[in-house]
Amino acid sequence: MAGLIKKLFGALVEKPWEKDQVNIDDAHEGSSFSKLSPQVSAVIVIFGVSTVLFSLIVSGYIYTIPSDQDTMFLLQSNLLWFNTFILILVSYLFKKISNDLKFGKLEKIKRNLIQVGGLSYLFLFGQIFFWYHLMSTGKFVSTNSYFSSFYFFTALHGLHLLGGLFFWGSVCSKTLKIEKEKIIEQTKNIEALSLYWTFLLIIWLVFFLIVFVFNDAVIAFCKSLLT
């Protein structure tokens, strides 16, 4: 996983116009991503599109905070901490599944895959319950730019998670029907799922830190930009 991320984002710090980098590029065999499966390649494409969408949401949030926006914490529920922990736990389970596949420990993979789906649905139900809680206290999309950004982001994040669960359902159903020794045939699909959930976790953590953990500081920063 770490090696893949380094390959994806390491190019951002390269300077192809410099002579030394030209020599390095000329000597390259051009096979950096030749070992990527079609499944992982598809996830990487989704990364690009989704990152742009989520970046626009964050940028819109930063530049639309009114100057009179309350700088006190607007979200007081510990449910967001619970949901964040669930996503971290799902990523941990995927990491465990990947390691088990790598070392041929296939005994618990089916169980762990089921747990991944169950925890992901629990996260979605937790978000829906939190929406209900917010609306019952009079906090709607139209309340202010803070809540409009929150609802929009969590809805888009939830749709991405539902898309991942559709793929998970397909992979999990196949895995549960085959013998333990043949689970290794699903390695590429499971690796793509693991990478996708890692992306969802990173996106969620960024937004969670902005709108909840460091909300006061972010709003103060937004005001400084607008004034």
Protein backbone atom coordinates (compact mmCIF):
# COMPACT_ATOMS: atom_id res chain seq x y z
CA MET A 1 0.00 0.00 0.00
CA ALA A 2 2.74 2.44 1.03
CA GLY A 3 4.70 1.64 -2.12
CA LEU A 4 1.67 2.31 -4.31
CA ILE A 5 0.96 5.67 -2.64
CA LYS A 6 4.61 6.62 -3.11
CA LYS A 7 4.35 5.80 -6.81
CA LEU A 8 1.15 7.78 -7.19
CA PHE A 9 2.19 10.94 -5.39
CA GLY A 10 5.98 10.78 -5.68
CA ALA A 11 5.78 12.26 -9.17
CA LEU A 12 4.41 15.49 -7.73
CA VAL A 13 7.83 16.43 -6.32
CA GLU A 14 9.76 15.57 -9.46
CA LYS A 15 11.12 18.31 -11.75
CA PRO A 16 11.12 16.88 -15.30
CA TRP A 17 12.60 20.08 -16.76
CA GLU A 18 15.89 19.66 -14.87
CA LYS A 19 18.80 17.89 -16.55
CA ASP A 20 19.29 15.29 -13.81
CA GLN A 21 15.63 14.35 -13.87
CA VAL A 22 15.70 14.10 -17.69
CA ASN A 23 18.49 11.52 -17.44
CA ILE A 24 16.51 9.57 -14.83
CA ASP A 25 13.37 9.63 -16.97
CA ASP A 26 15.27 8.55 -20.09
CA ALA A 27 16.69 5.55 -18.24
CA HIS A 28 13.27 4.51 -16.95
CA GLU A 29 11.78 1.36 -18.47
CA GLY A 30 8.25 2.78 -18.28
CA SER A 31 6.81 -0.11 -16.29
CA SER A 32 5.96 1.57 -12.98
CA PHE A 33 2.31 0.55 -13.08
CA SER A 34 2.58 -2.54 -15.26
CA LYS A 35 1.81 -4.81 -12.30
CA LEU A 36 -1.39 -3.01 -11.37
CA SER A 37 -4.53 -5.06 -11.87
CA PRO A 38 -7.48 -3.63 -13.86
CA GLN A 39 -9.41 -3.45 -10.58
CA VAL A 40 -6.78 -1.30 -8.86
CA SER A 41 -6.40 0.83 -11.99
CA ALA A 42 -10.15 1.51 -11.95
CA VAL A 43 -9.97 2.55 -8.29
CA ILE A 44 -7.13 4.96 -9.10
CA VAL A 45 -9.29 6.61 -11.79
CA ILE A 46 -12.10 6.95 -9.24
CA PHE A 47 -9.55 8.52 -6.88
CA GLY A 48 -8.84 11.28 -9.37
CA VAL A 49 -12.47 12.19 -10.02
CA SER A 50 -13.53 11.92 -6.37
CA THR A 51 -10.58 13.95 -5.09
CA VAL A 52 -11.58 16.83 -7.38
CA LEU A 53 -15.18 16.70 -6.12
CA PHE A 54 -14.22 16.62 -2.45
CA SER A 55 -11.62 19.36 -2.96
CA LEU A 56 -14.31 21.59 -4.47
CA ILE A 57 -16.52 21.01 -1.44
CA VAL A 58 -13.73 21.94 0.97
CA SER A 59 -12.79 25.00 -1.10
CA GLY A 60 -16.44 26.07 -1.24
CA TYR A 61 -16.72 25.67 2.51
CA ILE A 62 -13.62 27.77 3.16
CA TYR A 63 -14.66 30.62 0.89
CA THR A 64 -18.37 30.80 1.78
CA ILE A 65 -18.17 31.18 5.56
CA PRO A 66 -19.99 34.46 6.38
CA SER A 67 -18.09 37.01 8.43
CA ASP A 68 -20.68 36.70 11.20
CA GLN A 69 -20.48 32.89 11.37
CA ASP A 70 -20.47 31.62 14.95
CA THR A 71 -17.00 30.36 15.82
CA MET A 72 -18.22 28.03 18.57
CA PHE A 73 -18.41 24.33 17.88
CA LEU A 74 -21.54 23.67 15.88
CA LEU A 75 -21.47 19.89 16.20
CA GLN A 76 -21.53 18.49 19.73
CA SER A 77 -22.21 14.79 19.14
CA ASN A 78 -19.70 12.06 19.96
CA LEU A 79 -21.27 9.98 17.19
CA LEU A 80 -18.80 11.45 14.69
CA TRP A 81 -15.93 10.05 16.77
CA PHE A 82 -17.67 6.68 16.80
CA ASN A 83 -18.19 6.70 13.03
CA THR A 84 -14.57 7.71 12.48
CA PHE A 85 -13.43 4.81 14.65
CA ILE A 86 -15.59 2.45 12.56
CA LEU A 87 -13.89 3.52 9.32
CA ILE A 88 -10.47 3.10 10.92
CA LEU A 89 -11.47 -0.38 12.08
CA VAL A 90 -12.66 -1.29 8.56
CA SER A 91 -9.31 -0.19 7.11
CA TYR A 92 -7.54 -2.26 9.77
CA LEU A 93 -9.59 -5.33 8.83
CA PHE A 94 -8.75 -4.83 5.15
CA LYS A 95 -5.07 -4.56 6.07
CA LYS A 96 -5.38 -7.80 8.02
CA ILE A 97 -7.13 -9.51 5.10
CA SER A 98 -4.41 -8.36 2.68
CA ASN A 99 -1.70 -9.70 4.99
CA ASP A 100 -3.52 -13.01 5.38
CA LEU A 101 -3.74 -13.35 1.60
CA LYS A 102 -0.07 -12.50 1.25
CA PHE A 103 1.04 -15.15 3.74
CA GLY A 104 -1.58 -17.75 2.83
CA LYS A 105 -3.55 -17.52 6.08
CA LEU A 106 -7.01 -18.05 4.61
CA GLU A 107 -8.93 -19.28 7.66
CA LYS A 108 -10.43 -15.94 8.80
CA ILE A 109 -10.75 -14.08 5.50
CA LYS A 110 -14.43 -14.90 4.96
CA ARG A 111 -15.32 -13.81 8.48
CA ASN A 112 -13.32 -10.59 8.18
CA LEU A 113 -14.94 -9.73 4.84
CA ILE A 114 -18.38 -10.10 6.42
CA GLN A 115 -17.28 -7.86 9.30
CA VAL A 116 -16.08 -5.23 6.82
CA GLY A 117 -19.53 -5.06 5.21
CA GLY A 118 -21.34 -5.04 8.54
CA LEU A 119 -19.21 -2.21 9.93
CA SER A 120 -19.58 -0.19 6.72
CA TYR A 121 -23.38 -0.44 6.90
CA LEU A 122 -23.18 0.50 10.58
CA PHE A 123 -21.26 3.63 9.57
CA LEU A 124 -23.97 4.57 7.06
CA PHE A 125 -26.76 4.00 9.59
CA GLY A 126 -24.81 6.10 12.09
CA GLN A 127 -24.62 8.95 9.59
CA ILE A 128 -28.35 8.75 8.84
CA PHE A 129 -29.10 8.78 12.56
CA PHE A 130 -26.84 11.82 12.98
CA TRP A 131 -28.67 13.59 10.14
CA TYR A 132 -31.95 12.90 11.94
CA HIS A 133 -30.47 14.28 15.16
CA LEU A 134 -29.32 17.47 13.44
CA MET A 135 -32.65 18.05 11.72
CA SER A 136 -34.59 17.40 14.94
CA THR A 137 -32.62 20.25 16.54
CA GLY A 138 -33.39 22.63 13.68
CA LYS A 139 -30.10 22.34 11.80
CA PHE A 140 -30.85 21.93 8.07
CA VAL A 141 -29.00 22.43 4.79
CA SER A 142 -30.41 25.95 4.62
CA THR A 143 -29.37 26.87 8.17
CA ASN A 144 -25.94 28.20 7.15
CA SER A 145 -22.97 27.39 4.92
CA TYR A 146 -21.46 25.19 7.64
CA PHE A 147 -24.35 22.72 7.64
CA SER A 148 -24.91 22.88 3.89
CA SER A 149 -21.27 21.82 3.42
CA PHE A 150 -21.61 19.13 6.09
CA TYR A 151 -24.74 17.59 4.58
CA PHE A 152 -23.38 17.74 1.05
CA PHE A 153 -20.05 16.17 1.97
CA THR A 154 -21.51 13.38 4.08
CA ALA A 155 -24.09 12.61 1.36
CA LEU A 156 -21.39 12.39 -1.32
CA HIS A 157 -19.14 10.34 0.95
CA GLY A 158 -22.05 8.02 1.71
CA LEU A 159 -22.75 7.52 -2.01
CA HIS A 160 -19.11 6.58 -2.56
CA LEU A 161 -19.35 4.12 0.32
CA LEU A 162 -22.54 2.61 -1.14
CA GLY A 163 -20.71 2.16 -4.46
CA GLY A 164 -17.91 0.38 -2.62
CA LEU A 165 -20.43 -1.82 -0.81
CA PHE A 166 -21.92 -2.86 -4.16
CA PHE A 167 -18.48 -4.06 -5.25
CA TRP A 168 -17.91 -5.60 -1.81
CA GLY A 169 -21.19 -7.54 -2.09
CA SER A 170 -20.11 -9.03 -5.41
CA VAL A 171 -16.65 -10.03 -4.12
CA CYS A 172 -17.95 -11.28 -0.77
CA SER A 173 -20.66 -13.45 -2.33
CA LYS A 174 -18.10 -15.10 -4.62
CA THR A 175 -15.66 -15.60 -1.78
CA LEU A 176 -18.23 -17.20 0.51
CA LYS A 177 -19.25 -19.71 -2.18
CA ILE A 178 -15.77 -21.02 -3.00
CA GLU A 179 -13.50 -23.31 -1.03
CA LYS A 180 -10.91 -21.84 1.30
CA GLU A 181 -8.02 -22.82 -0.97
CA LYS A 182 -9.48 -20.83 -3.89
CA ILE A 183 -9.89 -17.56 -1.99
CA ILE A 184 -6.46 -16.53 -3.25
CA GLU A 185 -8.09 -16.08 -6.69
CA GLN A 186 -9.94 -13.05 -5.29
CA THR A 187 -6.72 -11.28 -4.26
CA LYS A 188 -6.89 -8.57 -6.93
CA ASN A 189 -10.51 -7.73 -6.13
CA ILE A 190 -9.84 -7.58 -2.40
CA GLU A 191 -6.75 -5.40 -2.92
CA ALA A 192 -8.85 -2.95 -4.94
CA LEU A 193 -11.51 -2.90 -2.20
CA SER A 194 -8.85 -2.30 0.46
CA LEU A 195 -7.38 0.60 -1.51
CA TYR A 196 -10.84 2.10 -2.05
CA TRP A 197 -11.72 2.01 1.65
CA THR A 198 -8.34 3.55 2.51
CA PHE A 199 -9.20 6.43 0.19
CA LEU A 200 -12.62 6.86 1.84
CA LEU A 201 -10.95 6.90 5.26
CA ILE A 202 -8.41 9.57 4.22
CA ILE A 203 -11.13 11.77 2.73
CA TRP A 204 -13.28 11.37 5.83
CA LEU A 205 -10.39 12.18 8.20
CA VAL A 206 -9.56 15.39 6.32
CA PHE A 207 -13.15 16.61 6.47
CA PHE A 208 -13.58 15.40 10.06
CA LEU A 209 -10.56 17.43 11.17
CA ILE A 210 -11.75 20.53 9.30
CA VAL A 211 -15.39 20.64 10.39
CA PHE A 212 -15.19 19.08 13.84
CA VAL A 213 -11.81 18.77 15.55
CA PHE A 214 -10.32 22.09 14.39
CA ASN A 215 -13.60 23.78 13.48
CA ASP A 216 -12.93 27.01 15.42
CA ALA A 217 -9.48 27.48 13.93
CA VAL A 218 -10.70 26.74 10.39
CA ILE A 219 -13.59 29.23 10.64
CA ALA A 220 -11.19 31.88 11.97
CA PHE A 221 -8.92 31.16 9.01
CA CYS A 222 -11.87 31.45 6.62
CA LYS A 223 -12.78 34.83 8.09
CA SER A 224 -9.22 36.05 7.62
CA LEU A 225 -9.41 35.10 3.93
CA LEU A 226 -12.75 36.83 3.43
CA THR A 227 -11.76 40.03 5.23
